[in-house]
Amino acid sequence: MPRILGENEALALAVDAAIRDSLMDGWRDNAIKLKRVRRAIRGVLEHPPASAETPKTGVAEDGAAPYNLDAEINRILDLAKHQHDY
């Protein structure tokens, strides 16, 4: 998963651990269980481990699009849904 989170291995491992810790059987098809996984991902992205680079908000110096937390959570959640390891 490091490639998914901008080569930030520490953040990727933290997100992976949060997903694994929050999983419950049938999570993909249950809105409440899915919300629990979404909150776990959000928690890591809002409060990344000290060893991880903090995702940037606002417009980047190079003029790139602003960081959208909800879009990133949805993207990661969608990827997790399609992983058989979860």
PDB file of N, CA and C in Angstrom:
ATOM      1  N   MET A   1       0.793  -1.210   0.000  1.00  0.00           N
ATOM      2  CA  MET A   1       0.000   0.000   0.000  1.00  0.00           C
ATOM      3  C   MET A   1       0.837   1.277   0.000  1.00  0.00           C
ATOM      4  N   PRO A   2       2.143   1.266   0.219  1.00  0.00           N
ATOM      5  CA  PRO A   2       2.906   2.513   0.196  1.00  0.00           C
ATOM      6  C   PRO A   2       2.730   3.308  -1.086  1.00  0.00           C
ATOM      7  N   ARG A   3       2.681   2.640  -2.236  1.00  0.00           N
ATOM      8  CA  ARG A   3       2.533   3.330  -3.503  1.00  0.00           C
ATOM      9  C   ARG A   3       1.223   4.108  -3.536  1.00  0.00           C
ATOM     10  N   ILE A   4       0.217   3.599  -2.903  1.00  0.00           N
ATOM     11  CA  ILE A   4      -1.099   4.231  -2.907  1.00  0.00           C
ATOM     12  C   ILE A   4      -1.082   5.560  -2.161  1.00  0.00           C
ATOM     13  N   LEU A   5      -0.311   5.650  -1.119  1.00  0.00           N
ATOM     14  CA  LEU A   5      -0.285   6.862  -0.300  1.00  0.00           C
ATOM     15  C   LEU A   5       0.968   7.680  -0.561  1.00  0.00           C
ATOM     16  N   GLY A   6       1.287   7.866  -1.811  1.00  0.00           N
ATOM     17  CA  GLY A   6       2.382   8.742  -2.190  1.00  0.00           C
ATOM     18  C   GLY A   6       3.737   8.285  -1.687  1.00  0.00           C
ATOM     19  N   GLU A   7       3.980   6.974  -1.719  1.00  0.00           N
ATOM     20  CA  GLU A   7       5.262   6.414  -1.278  1.00  0.00           C
ATOM     21  C   GLU A   7       5.540   6.670   0.200  1.00  0.00           C
ATOM     22  N   ASN A   8       4.536   7.014   0.956  1.00  0.00           N
ATOM     23  CA  ASN A   8       4.691   7.277   2.384  1.00  0.00           C
ATOM     24  C   ASN A   8       4.415   5.972   3.139  1.00  0.00           C
ATOM     25  N   GLU A   9       5.470   5.197   3.339  1.00  0.00           N
ATOM     26  CA  GLU A   9       5.323   3.864   3.919  1.00  0.00           C
ATOM     27  C   GLU A   9       4.750   3.900   5.331  1.00  0.00           C
ATOM     28  N   ALA A  10       5.192   4.831   6.145  1.00  0.00           N
ATOM     29  CA  ALA A  10       4.700   4.913   7.523  1.00  0.00           C
ATOM     30  C   ALA A  10       3.193   5.176   7.552  1.00  0.00           C
ATOM     31  N   LEU A  11       2.735   6.063   6.695  1.00  0.00           N
ATOM     32  CA  LEU A  11       1.301   6.367   6.626  1.00  0.00           C
ATOM     33  C   LEU A  11       0.527   5.164   6.084  1.00  0.00           C
ATOM     34  N   ALA A  12       1.066   4.513   5.074  1.00  0.00           N
ATOM     35  CA  ALA A  12       0.406   3.341   4.499  1.00  0.00           C
ATOM     36  C   ALA A  12       0.266   2.225   5.527  1.00  0.00           C
ATOM     37  N   LEU A  13       1.312   1.992   6.297  1.00  0.00           N
ATOM     38  CA  LEU A  13       1.250   0.955   7.329  1.00  0.00           C
ATOM     39  C   LEU A  13       0.259   1.316   8.423  1.00  0.00           C
ATOM     40  N   ALA A  14       0.185   2.592   8.765  1.00  0.00           N
ATOM     41  CA  ALA A  14      -0.772   3.038   9.782  1.00  0.00           C
ATOM     42  C   ALA A  14      -2.207   2.873   9.284  1.00  0.00           C
ATOM     43  N   VAL A  15      -2.455   3.203   8.018  1.00  0.00           N
ATOM     44  CA  VAL A  15      -3.794   3.038   7.447  1.00  0.00           C
ATOM     45  C   VAL A  15      -4.145   1.557   7.394  1.00  0.00           C
ATOM     46  N   ASP A  16      -3.198   0.731   6.971  1.00  0.00           N
ATOM     47  CA  ASP A  16      -3.428  -0.712   6.913  1.00  0.00           C
ATOM     48  C   ASP A  16      -3.792  -1.264   8.291  1.00  0.00           C
ATOM     49  N   ALA A  17      -3.042  -0.866   9.302  1.00  0.00           N
ATOM     50  CA  ALA A  17      -3.311  -1.334  10.666  1.00  0.00           C
ATOM     51  C   ALA A  17      -4.682  -0.859  11.146  1.00  0.00           C
ATOM     52  N   ALA A  18      -5.035   0.374  10.831  1.00  0.00           N
ATOM     53  CA  ALA A  18      -6.332   0.910  11.244  1.00  0.00           C
ATOM     54  C   ALA A  18      -7.477   0.158  10.570  1.00  0.00           C
ATOM     55  N   ILE A  19      -7.303  -0.139   9.301  1.00  0.00           N
ATOM     56  CA  ILE A  19      -8.332  -0.895   8.580  1.00  0.00           C
ATOM     57  C   ILE A  19      -8.484  -2.272   9.210  1.00  0.00           C
ATOM     58  N   ARG A  20      -7.370  -2.955   9.405  1.00  0.00           N
ATOM     59  CA  ARG A  20      -7.417  -4.313   9.967  1.00  0.00           C
ATOM     60  C   ARG A  20      -8.037  -4.319  11.366  1.00  0.00           C
ATOM     61  N   ASP A  21      -7.713  -3.321  12.175  1.00  0.00           N
ATOM     62  CA  ASP A  21      -8.245  -3.257  13.540  1.00  0.00           C
ATOM     63  C   ASP A  21      -9.747  -2.955  13.577  1.00  0.00           C
ATOM     64  N   SER A  22     -10.249  -2.304  12.543  1.00  0.00           N
ATOM     65  CA  SER A  22     -11.652  -1.896  12.549  1.00  0.00           C
ATOM     66  C   SER A  22     -12.574  -2.874  11.818  1.00  0.00           C
ATOM     67  N   LEU A  23     -12.010  -3.841  11.129  1.00  0.00           N
ATOM     68  CA  LEU A  23     -12.820  -4.758  10.328  1.00  0.00           C
ATOM     69  C   LEU A  23     -13.693  -5.667  11.179  1.00  0.00           C
ATOM     70  N   MET A  24     -14.871  -5.907  10.648  1.00  0.00           N
ATOM     71  CA  MET A  24     -15.807  -6.872  11.231  1.00  0.00           C
ATOM     72  C   MET A  24     -16.323  -7.712  10.066  1.00  0.00           C
ATOM     73  N   ASP A  25     -16.714  -8.941  10.337  1.00  0.00           N
ATOM     74  CA  ASP A  25     -17.251  -9.800   9.280  1.00  0.00           C
ATOM     75  C   ASP A  25     -18.387  -9.092   8.548  1.00  0.00           C
ATOM     76  N   GLY A  26     -18.379  -9.210   7.226  1.00  0.00           N
ATOM     77  CA  GLY A  26     -19.433  -8.627   6.416  1.00  0.00           C
ATOM     78  C   GLY A  26     -19.367  -7.117   6.287  1.00  0.00           C
ATOM     79  N   TRP A  27     -18.210  -6.527   6.529  1.00  0.00           N
ATOM     80  CA  TRP A  27     -18.087  -5.069   6.536  1.00  0.00           C
ATOM     81  C   TRP A  27     -18.384  -4.433   5.187  1.00  0.00           C
ATOM     82  N   ARG A  28     -18.115  -5.122   4.107  1.00  0.00           N
ATOM     83  CA  ARG A  28     -18.317  -4.528   2.778  1.00  0.00           C
ATOM     84  C   ARG A  28     -19.795  -4.255   2.469  1.00  0.00           C
ATOM     85  N   ASP A  29     -20.670  -5.051   3.047  1.00  0.00           N
ATOM     86  CA  ASP A  29     -22.098  -4.955   2.719  1.00  0.00           C
ATOM     87  C   ASP A  29     -22.954  -4.389   3.852  1.00  0.00           C
ATOM     88  N   ASN A  30     -22.323  -3.830   4.857  1.00  0.00           N
ATOM     89  CA  ASN A  30     -23.060  -3.320   6.008  1.00  0.00           C
ATOM     90  C   ASN A  30     -22.666  -1.863   6.237  1.00  0.00           C
ATOM     91  N   ALA A  31     -23.620  -0.975   6.151  1.00  0.00           N
ATOM     92  CA  ALA A  31     -23.336   0.467   6.237  1.00  0.00           C
ATOM     93  C   ALA A  31     -22.674   0.857   7.561  1.00  0.00           C
ATOM     94  N   ILE A  32     -23.106   0.270   8.666  1.00  0.00           N
ATOM     95  CA  ILE A  32     -22.541   0.608   9.972  1.00  0.00           C
ATOM     96  C   ILE A  32     -21.084   0.138  10.067  1.00  0.00           C
ATOM     97  N   LYS A  33     -20.832  -1.081   9.611  1.00  0.00           N
ATOM     98  CA  LYS A  33     -19.471  -1.626   9.655  1.00  0.00           C
ATOM     99  C   LYS A  33     -18.552  -0.880   8.690  1.00  0.00           C
ATOM    100  N   LEU A  34     -19.092  -0.483   7.552  1.00  0.00           N
ATOM    101  CA  LEU A  34     -18.327   0.287   6.577  1.00  0.00           C
ATOM    102  C   LEU A  34     -17.959   1.655   7.143  1.00  0.00           C
ATOM    103  N   LYS A  35     -18.894   2.254   7.870  1.00  0.00           N
ATOM    104  CA  LYS A  35     -18.648   3.552   8.498  1.00  0.00           C
ATOM    105  C   LYS A  35     -17.525   3.448   9.530  1.00  0.00           C
ATOM    106  N   ARG A  36     -17.467   2.334  10.237  1.00  0.00           N
ATOM    107  CA  ARG A  36     -16.408   2.104  11.218  1.00  0.00           C
ATOM    108  C   ARG A  36     -15.033   2.089  10.545  1.00  0.00           C
ATOM    109  N   VAL A  37     -14.934   1.435   9.394  1.00  0.00           N
ATOM    110  CA  VAL A  37     -13.668   1.384   8.648  1.00  0.00           C
ATOM    111  C   VAL A  37     -13.327   2.779   8.133  1.00  0.00           C
ATOM    112  N   ARG A  38     -14.323   3.480   7.622  1.00  0.00           N
ATOM    113  CA  ARG A  38     -14.115   4.848   7.121  1.00  0.00           C
ATOM    114  C   ARG A  38     -13.567   5.754   8.234  1.00  0.00           C
ATOM    115  N   ARG A  39     -14.134   5.645   9.430  1.00  0.00           N
ATOM    116  CA  ARG A  39     -13.653   6.450  10.566  1.00  0.00           C
ATOM    117  C   ARG A  39     -12.211   6.104  10.925  1.00  0.00           C
ATOM    118  N   ALA A  40     -11.867   4.835  10.834  1.00  0.00           N
ATOM    119  CA  ALA A  40     -10.499   4.412  11.147  1.00  0.00           C
ATOM    120  C   ALA A  40      -9.511   5.033  10.161  1.00  0.00           C
ATOM    121  N   ILE A  41      -9.870   5.025   8.887  1.00  0.00           N
ATOM    122  CA  ILE A  41      -9.008   5.634   7.863  1.00  0.00           C
ATOM    123  C   ILE A  41      -8.894   7.133   8.120  1.00  0.00           C
ATOM    124  N   ARG A  42     -10.015   7.782   8.384  1.00  0.00           N
ATOM    125  CA  ARG A  42     -10.018   9.220   8.654  1.00  0.00           C
ATOM    126  C   ARG A  42      -9.120   9.551   9.844  1.00  0.00           C
ATOM    127  N   GLY A  43      -9.206   8.746  10.887  1.00  0.00           N
ATOM    128  CA  GLY A  43      -8.396   8.988  12.076  1.00  0.00           C
ATOM    129  C   GLY A  43      -6.907   9.002  11.775  1.00  0.00           C
ATOM    130  N   VAL A  44      -6.460   8.089  10.938  1.00  0.00           N
ATOM    131  CA  VAL A  44      -5.038   8.046  10.591  1.00  0.00           C
ATOM    132  C   VAL A  44      -4.665   9.237   9.711  1.00  0.00           C
ATOM    133  N   LEU A  45      -5.514   9.559   8.752  1.00  0.00           N
ATOM    134  CA  LEU A  45      -5.190  10.672   7.852  1.00  0.00           C
ATOM    135  C   LEU A  45      -5.232  12.013   8.572  1.00  0.00           C
ATOM    136  N   GLU A  46      -6.115  12.154   9.553  1.00  0.00           N
ATOM    137  CA  GLU A  46      -6.182  13.409  10.312  1.00  0.00           C
ATOM    138  C   GLU A  46      -5.066  13.506  11.345  1.00  0.00           C
ATOM    139  N   HIS A  47      -4.628  12.363  11.866  1.00  0.00           N
ATOM    140  CA  HIS A  47      -3.591  12.322  12.901  1.00  0.00           C
ATOM    141  C   HIS A  47      -2.564  11.263  12.536  1.00  0.00           C
ATOM    142  N   PRO A  48      -1.751  11.534  11.502  1.00  0.00           N
ATOM    143  CA  PRO A  48      -0.788  10.526  11.042  1.00  0.00           C
ATOM    144  C   PRO A  48       0.287  10.265  12.097  1.00  0.00           C
ATOM    145  N   PRO A  49       0.916   9.097  12.036  1.00  0.00           N
ATOM    146  CA  PRO A  49       1.996   8.804  12.977  1.00  0.00           C
ATOM    147  C   PRO A  49       3.127   9.812  12.813  1.00  0.00           C
ATOM    148  N   ALA A  50       3.888  10.007  13.857  1.00  0.00           N
ATOM    149  CA  ALA A  50       4.973  10.994  13.834  1.00  0.00           C
ATOM    150  C   ALA A  50       5.972  10.711  12.721  1.00  0.00           C
ATOM    151  N   SER A  51       6.149   9.441  12.368  1.00  0.00           N
ATOM    152  CA  SER A  51       7.123   9.084  11.341  1.00  0.00           C
ATOM    153  C   SER A  51       6.603   9.298   9.920  1.00  0.00           C
ATOM    154  N   ALA A  52       5.332   9.659   9.792  1.00  0.00           N
ATOM    155  CA  ALA A  52       4.735   9.862   8.471  1.00  0.00           C
ATOM    156  C   ALA A  52       4.632  11.341   8.156  1.00  0.00           C
ATOM    157  N   GLU A  53       4.727  11.646   6.878  1.00  0.00           N
ATOM    158  CA  GLU A  53       4.512  13.027   6.447  1.00  0.00           C
ATOM    159  C   GLU A  53       3.021  13.320   6.544  1.00  0.00           C
ATOM    160  N   THR A  54       2.691  14.496   6.990  1.00  0.00           N
ATOM    161  CA  THR A  54       1.298  14.897   7.117  1.00  0.00           C
ATOM    162  C   THR A  54       0.745  15.255   5.744  1.00  0.00           C
ATOM    163  N   PRO A  55      -0.425  14.695   5.366  1.00  0.00           N
ATOM    164  CA  PRO A  55      -1.045  15.113   4.107  1.00  0.00           C
ATOM    165  C   PRO A  55      -1.294  16.614   4.132  1.00  0.00           C
ATOM    166  N   LYS A  56      -1.058  17.257   3.038  1.00  0.00           N
ATOM    167  CA  LYS A  56      -1.184  18.712   2.972  1.00  0.00           C
ATOM    168  C   LYS A  56      -2.595  19.110   2.572  1.00  0.00           C
ATOM    169  N   THR A  57      -3.060  20.191   3.164  1.00  0.00           N
ATOM    170  CA  THR A  57      -4.361  20.737   2.800  1.00  0.00           C
ATOM    171  C   THR A  57      -4.139  22.034   2.040  1.00  0.00           C
ATOM    172  N   GLY A  58      -5.157  22.490   1.363  1.00  0.00           N
ATOM    173  CA  GLY A  58      -5.041  23.732   0.608  1.00  0.00           C
ATOM    174  C   GLY A  58      -4.341  23.509  -0.721  1.00  0.00           C
ATOM    175  N   VAL A  59      -3.993  24.578  -1.391  1.00  0.00           N
ATOM    176  CA  VAL A  59      -3.351  24.492  -2.694  1.00  0.00           C
ATOM    177  C   VAL A  59      -1.860  24.290  -2.510  1.00  0.00           C
ATOM    178  N   ALA A  60      -1.318  23.315  -3.204  1.00  0.00           N
ATOM    179  CA  ALA A  60       0.110  23.031  -3.120  1.00  0.00           C
ATOM    180  C   ALA A  60       0.904  24.153  -3.771  1.00  0.00           C
ATOM    181  N   GLU A  61       2.169  24.274  -3.375  1.00  0.00           N
ATOM    182  CA  GLU A  61       3.028  25.323  -3.925  1.00  0.00           C
ATOM    183  C   GLU A  61       3.194  25.196  -5.430  1.00  0.00           C
ATOM    184  N   ASP A  62       3.156  23.960  -5.934  1.00  0.00           N
ATOM    185  CA  ASP A  62       3.343  23.765  -7.371  1.00  0.00           C
ATOM    186  C   ASP A  62       2.045  23.962  -8.160  1.00  0.00           C
ATOM    187  N   GLY A  63       0.990  24.423  -7.485  1.00  0.00           N
ATOM    188  CA  GLY A  63      -0.267  24.699  -8.156  1.00  0.00           C
ATOM    189  C   GLY A  63      -1.156  23.476  -8.313  1.00  0.00           C
ATOM    190  N   ALA A  64      -0.774  22.366  -7.694  1.00  0.00           N
ATOM    191  CA  ALA A  64      -1.571  21.150  -7.787  1.00  0.00           C
ATOM    192  C   ALA A  64      -2.911  21.352  -7.077  1.00  0.00           C
ATOM    193  N   ALA A  65      -3.827  20.464  -7.371  1.00  0.00           N
ATOM    194  CA  ALA A  65      -5.158  20.541  -6.759  1.00  0.00           C
ATOM    195  C   ALA A  65      -5.039  20.390  -5.247  1.00  0.00           C
ATOM    196  N   PRO A  66      -5.962  20.996  -4.495  1.00  0.00           N
ATOM    197  CA  PRO A  66      -5.920  20.882  -3.043  1.00  0.00           C
ATOM    198  C   PRO A  66      -6.189  19.450  -2.593  1.00  0.00           C
ATOM    199  N   TYR A  67      -5.674  19.109  -1.433  1.00  0.00           N
ATOM    200  CA  TYR A  67      -5.883  17.796  -0.832  1.00  0.00           C
ATOM    201  C   TYR A  67      -7.311  17.730  -0.333  1.00  0.00           C
ATOM    202  N   ASN A  68      -8.048  16.742  -0.742  1.00  0.00           N
ATOM    203  CA  ASN A  68      -9.432  16.576  -0.339  1.00  0.00           C
ATOM    204  C   ASN A  68      -9.508  15.335   0.540  1.00  0.00           C
ATOM    205  N   LEU A  69      -9.661  15.519   1.834  1.00  0.00           N
ATOM    206  CA  LEU A  69      -9.651  14.429   2.791  1.00  0.00           C
ATOM    207  C   LEU A  69     -10.747  13.406   2.500  1.00  0.00           C
ATOM    208  N   ASP A  70     -11.964  13.871   2.270  1.00  0.00           N
ATOM    209  CA  ASP A  70     -13.060  12.931   2.015  1.00  0.00           C
ATOM    210  C   ASP A  70     -12.832  12.123   0.748  1.00  0.00           C
ATOM    211  N   ALA A  71     -12.309  12.750  -0.288  1.00  0.00           N
ATOM    212  CA  ALA A  71     -12.022  12.034  -1.530  1.00  0.00           C
ATOM    213  C   ALA A  71     -10.933  10.988  -1.300  1.00  0.00           C
ATOM    214  N   GLU A  72      -9.931  11.332  -0.511  1.00  0.00           N
ATOM    215  CA  GLU A  72      -8.845  10.388  -0.214  1.00  0.00           C
ATOM    216  C   GLU A  72      -9.360   9.216   0.616  1.00  0.00           C
ATOM    217  N   ILE A  73     -10.221   9.484   1.578  1.00  0.00           N
ATOM    218  CA  ILE A  73     -10.811   8.413   2.389  1.00  0.00           C
ATOM    219  C   ILE A  73     -11.622   7.481   1.492  1.00  0.00           C
ATOM    220  N   ASN A  74     -12.432   8.047   0.619  1.00  0.00           N
ATOM    221  CA  ASN A  74     -13.246   7.235  -0.288  1.00  0.00           C
ATOM    222  C   ASN A  74     -12.375   6.407  -1.220  1.00  0.00           C
ATOM    223  N   ARG A  75     -11.294   6.984  -1.691  1.00  0.00           N
ATOM    224  CA  ARG A  75     -10.384   6.278  -2.594  1.00  0.00           C
ATOM    225  C   ARG A  75      -9.741   5.093  -1.879  1.00  0.00           C
ATOM    226  N   ILE A  76      -9.249   5.320  -0.672  1.00  0.00           N
ATOM    227  CA  ILE A  76      -8.606   4.253   0.097  1.00  0.00           C
ATOM    228  C   ILE A  76      -9.624   3.183   0.469  1.00  0.00           C
ATOM    229  N   LEU A  77     -10.818   3.597   0.865  1.00  0.00           N
ATOM    230  CA  LEU A  77     -11.868   2.649   1.228  1.00  0.00           C
ATOM    231  C   LEU A  77     -12.246   1.781   0.029  1.00  0.00           C
ATOM    232  N   ASP A  78     -12.345   2.384  -1.131  1.00  0.00           N
ATOM    233  CA  ASP A  78     -12.662   1.626  -2.338  1.00  0.00           C
ATOM    234  C   ASP A  78     -11.568   0.604  -2.641  1.00  0.00           C
ATOM    235  N   LEU A  79     -10.321   1.009  -2.479  1.00  0.00           N
ATOM    236  CA  LEU A  79      -9.213   0.073  -2.691  1.00  0.00           C
ATOM    237  C   LEU A  79      -9.263  -1.071  -1.684  1.00  0.00           C
ATOM    238  N   ALA A  80      -9.550  -0.754  -0.439  1.00  0.00           N
ATOM    239  CA  ALA A  80      -9.621  -1.782   0.606  1.00  0.00           C
ATOM    240  C   ALA A  80     -10.748  -2.773   0.317  1.00  0.00           C
ATOM    241  N   LYS A  81     -11.866  -2.276  -0.192  1.00  0.00           N
ATOM    242  CA  LYS A  81     -12.995  -3.148  -0.499  1.00  0.00           C
ATOM    243  C   LYS A  81     -12.634  -4.221  -1.526  1.00  0.00           C
ATOM    244  N   HIS A  82     -11.711  -3.876  -2.407  1.00  0.00           N
ATOM    245  CA  HIS A  82     -11.339  -4.786  -3.478  1.00  0.00           C
ATOM    246  C   HIS A  82     -10.119  -5.655  -3.145  1.00  0.00           C
ATOM    247  N   GLN A  83      -9.608  -5.539  -1.935  1.00  0.00           N
ATOM    248  CA  GLN A  83      -8.479  -6.357  -1.502  1.00  0.00           C
ATOM    249  C   GLN A  83      -9.008  -7.584  -0.782  1.00  0.00           C
ATOM    250  N   HIS A  84      -8.572  -8.744  -1.208  1.00  0.00           N
ATOM    251  CA  HIS A  84      -9.023  -9.984  -0.575  1.00  0.00           C
ATOM    252  C   HIS A  84      -8.402 -10.202   0.797  1.00  0.00           C
ATOM    253  N   ASP A  85      -7.327  -9.464   1.097  1.00  0.00           N
ATOM    254  CA  ASP A  85      -6.677  -9.596   2.400  1.00  0.00           C
ATOM    255  C   ASP A  85      -7.513  -9.029   3.534  1.00  0.00           C
ATOM    256  N   TYR A  86      -8.472  -8.194   3.215  1.00  0.00           N
ATOM    257  CA  TYR A  86      -9.275  -7.556   4.253  1.00  0.00           C
ATOM    258  C   TYR A  86     -10.572  -8.282   4.435  1.00  0.00           C
TER     259      TYR A  86
END
